Amino acid sequence: MNFKLYVVGIFSFCFLSVHLSFGQDDTFINQLDSLGSLDDSTKSIITFNEGLDLMNAKKYSQAIDKFNAAYSLNASLNDAIFNRGYCYMQMGSPDKGIGDWESFAKNNPDHNKVFEE
């Protein structure tokens, strides 16, 4: 794992936790980006982590937006699709949730045994 990415991930988790508690998560990436140029891969991980925090806070609609943004920045971030599917399921949209999980399984054949059991 890239050390810079690891440090940014730890920093983003701590900083985001504080921001979410005050409802100020929208400007987080902009604040980090102002410290120096962030590449799309780093932005995608930060955005994905924001989605996880929102999902854990049961703010599913907002989490879906973050997972969409993360996936747009990095199309190999298939976990964003899996978690978006979970959010859809929790929001009562099983067709969308199952569709996301099927897409995840198609793009991650090593994880297919989870769906077979």
Protein backbone atom coordinates (compact mmCIF):
# COMPACT_ATOMS: atom_id res chain seq x y z
CA MET A 1 0.00 0.00 0.00
CA ASN A 2 1.23 3.44 -0.87
CA PHE A 3 2.35 5.23 2.32
CA LYS A 4 0.91 8.58 1.17
CA LEU A 5 -2.44 6.93 0.53
CA TYR A 6 -2.34 5.27 3.96
CA VAL A 7 -1.61 8.56 5.73
CA VAL A 8 -4.32 10.38 3.78
CA GLY A 9 -6.76 7.56 4.63
CA ILE A 10 -6.03 7.77 8.36
CA PHE A 11 -6.18 11.57 8.29
CA SER A 12 -9.41 11.54 6.29
CA PHE A 13 -11.06 9.08 8.68
CA CYS A 14 -10.23 11.19 11.75
CA PHE A 15 -11.04 14.51 10.12
CA LEU A 16 -14.23 13.19 8.52
CA SER A 17 -15.48 11.79 11.82
CA VAL A 18 -15.25 15.26 13.33
CA HIS A 19 -16.85 16.90 10.29
CA LEU A 20 -19.74 14.45 10.13
CA SER A 21 -20.52 15.06 13.76
CA PHE A 22 -20.92 18.76 12.94
CA GLY A 23 -22.59 18.15 9.55
CA GLN A 24 -19.79 19.74 7.52
CA ASP A 25 -18.69 16.87 5.27
CA ASP A 26 -19.33 18.60 1.91
CA THR A 27 -16.13 20.66 1.94
CA PHE A 28 -13.79 17.96 3.23
CA ILE A 29 -12.11 17.05 -0.07
CA ASN A 30 -11.85 20.72 -1.03
CA GLN A 31 -10.07 21.44 2.26
CA LEU A 32 -7.65 18.56 1.76
CA ASP A 33 -7.13 19.44 -1.89
CA SER A 34 -6.19 22.99 -0.91
CA LEU A 35 -3.21 21.54 1.00
CA GLY A 36 -1.83 20.09 -2.22
CA SER A 37 -2.98 18.41 -5.36
CA LEU A 38 -4.88 15.18 -4.71
CA ASP A 39 -5.03 12.62 -7.50
CA ASP A 40 -8.31 10.93 -8.45
CA SER A 41 -7.31 7.68 -6.75
CA THR A 42 -6.81 9.45 -3.43
CA LYS A 43 -10.01 11.45 -3.84
CA SER A 44 -11.92 8.24 -4.59
CA ILE A 45 -10.72 6.61 -1.38
CA ILE A 46 -11.58 9.67 0.69
CA THR A 47 -15.01 9.89 -0.93
CA PHE A 48 -15.54 6.14 -0.43
CA ASN A 49 -14.70 6.51 3.27
CA GLU A 50 -17.18 9.38 3.52
CA GLY A 51 -19.77 7.03 2.03
CA LEU A 52 -18.95 4.36 4.60
CA ASP A 53 -19.35 6.83 7.45
CA LEU A 54 -22.68 8.02 6.07
CA MET A 55 -23.84 4.43 5.55
CA ASN A 56 -22.92 3.56 9.13
CA ALA A 57 -24.89 6.63 10.25
CA LYS A 58 -27.87 5.25 8.26
CA LYS A 59 -27.81 8.24 5.91
CA TYR A 60 -28.25 5.95 2.94
CA SER A 61 -29.22 8.49 0.28
CA GLN A 62 -26.17 10.64 1.05
CA ALA A 63 -23.98 7.53 1.18
CA ILE A 64 -25.19 6.50 -2.29
CA ASP A 65 -24.12 9.90 -3.62
CA LYS A 66 -20.64 9.42 -2.14
CA PHE A 67 -20.33 5.88 -3.49
CA ASN A 68 -21.37 7.13 -6.95
CA ALA A 69 -18.78 9.89 -6.78
CA ALA A 70 -16.06 7.51 -5.59
CA TYR A 71 -16.82 5.07 -8.41
CA SER A 72 -16.81 7.92 -10.95
CA LEU A 73 -13.31 8.85 -9.81
CA ASN A 74 -12.05 5.25 -9.84
CA ALA A 75 -14.02 2.66 -11.82
CA SER A 76 -12.01 -0.17 -10.25
CA LEU A 77 -13.42 0.69 -6.81
CA ASN A 78 -16.05 -2.05 -6.96
CA ASP A 79 -16.63 -1.97 -3.21
CA ALA A 80 -18.46 1.32 -3.82
CA ILE A 81 -20.97 -0.59 -5.96
CA PHE A 82 -21.36 -3.31 -3.33
CA ASN A 83 -21.99 -0.78 -0.55
CA ARG A 84 -24.33 1.23 -2.75
CA GLY A 85 -26.33 -1.98 -3.20
CA TYR A 86 -26.54 -2.37 0.57
CA CYS A 87 -27.82 1.20 0.88
CA TYR A 88 -30.47 0.57 -1.77
CA MET A 89 -31.59 -2.54 0.10
CA GLN A 90 -31.87 -0.59 3.35
CA MET A 91 -33.90 2.10 1.56
CA GLY A 92 -36.40 -0.48 0.28
CA SER A 93 -35.17 -0.68 -3.33
CA PRO A 94 -34.25 -4.36 -3.68
CA ASP A 95 -34.12 -4.29 -7.48
CA LYS A 96 -31.39 -1.64 -7.44
CA GLY A 97 -29.58 -3.34 -4.56
CA ILE A 98 -29.57 -6.75 -6.20
CA GLY A 99 -28.53 -5.17 -9.51
CA ASP A 100 -25.52 -3.61 -7.81
CA TRP A 101 -24.61 -6.86 -6.10
CA GLU A 102 -24.87 -8.74 -9.40
CA SER A 103 -22.63 -6.13 -11.02
CA PHE A 104 -20.17 -6.48 -8.15
CA ALA A 105 -20.15 -10.28 -8.50
CA LYS A 106 -19.60 -10.05 -12.26
CA ASN A 107 -16.62 -7.74 -11.80
CA ASN A 108 -15.19 -9.68 -8.83
CA PRO A 109 -15.27 -13.41 -9.68
CA ASP A 110 -13.17 -14.21 -6.61
CA HIS A 111 -16.03 -12.98 -4.43
CA ASN A 112 -18.70 -15.07 -6.16
CA LYS A 113 -18.64 -17.77 -3.49
CA VAL A 114 -20.26 -15.26 -1.12
CA PHE A 115 -23.27 -15.12 -3.46
CA GLU A 116 -23.40 -18.88 -4.01
CA GLU A 117 -23.90 -19.75 -0.34
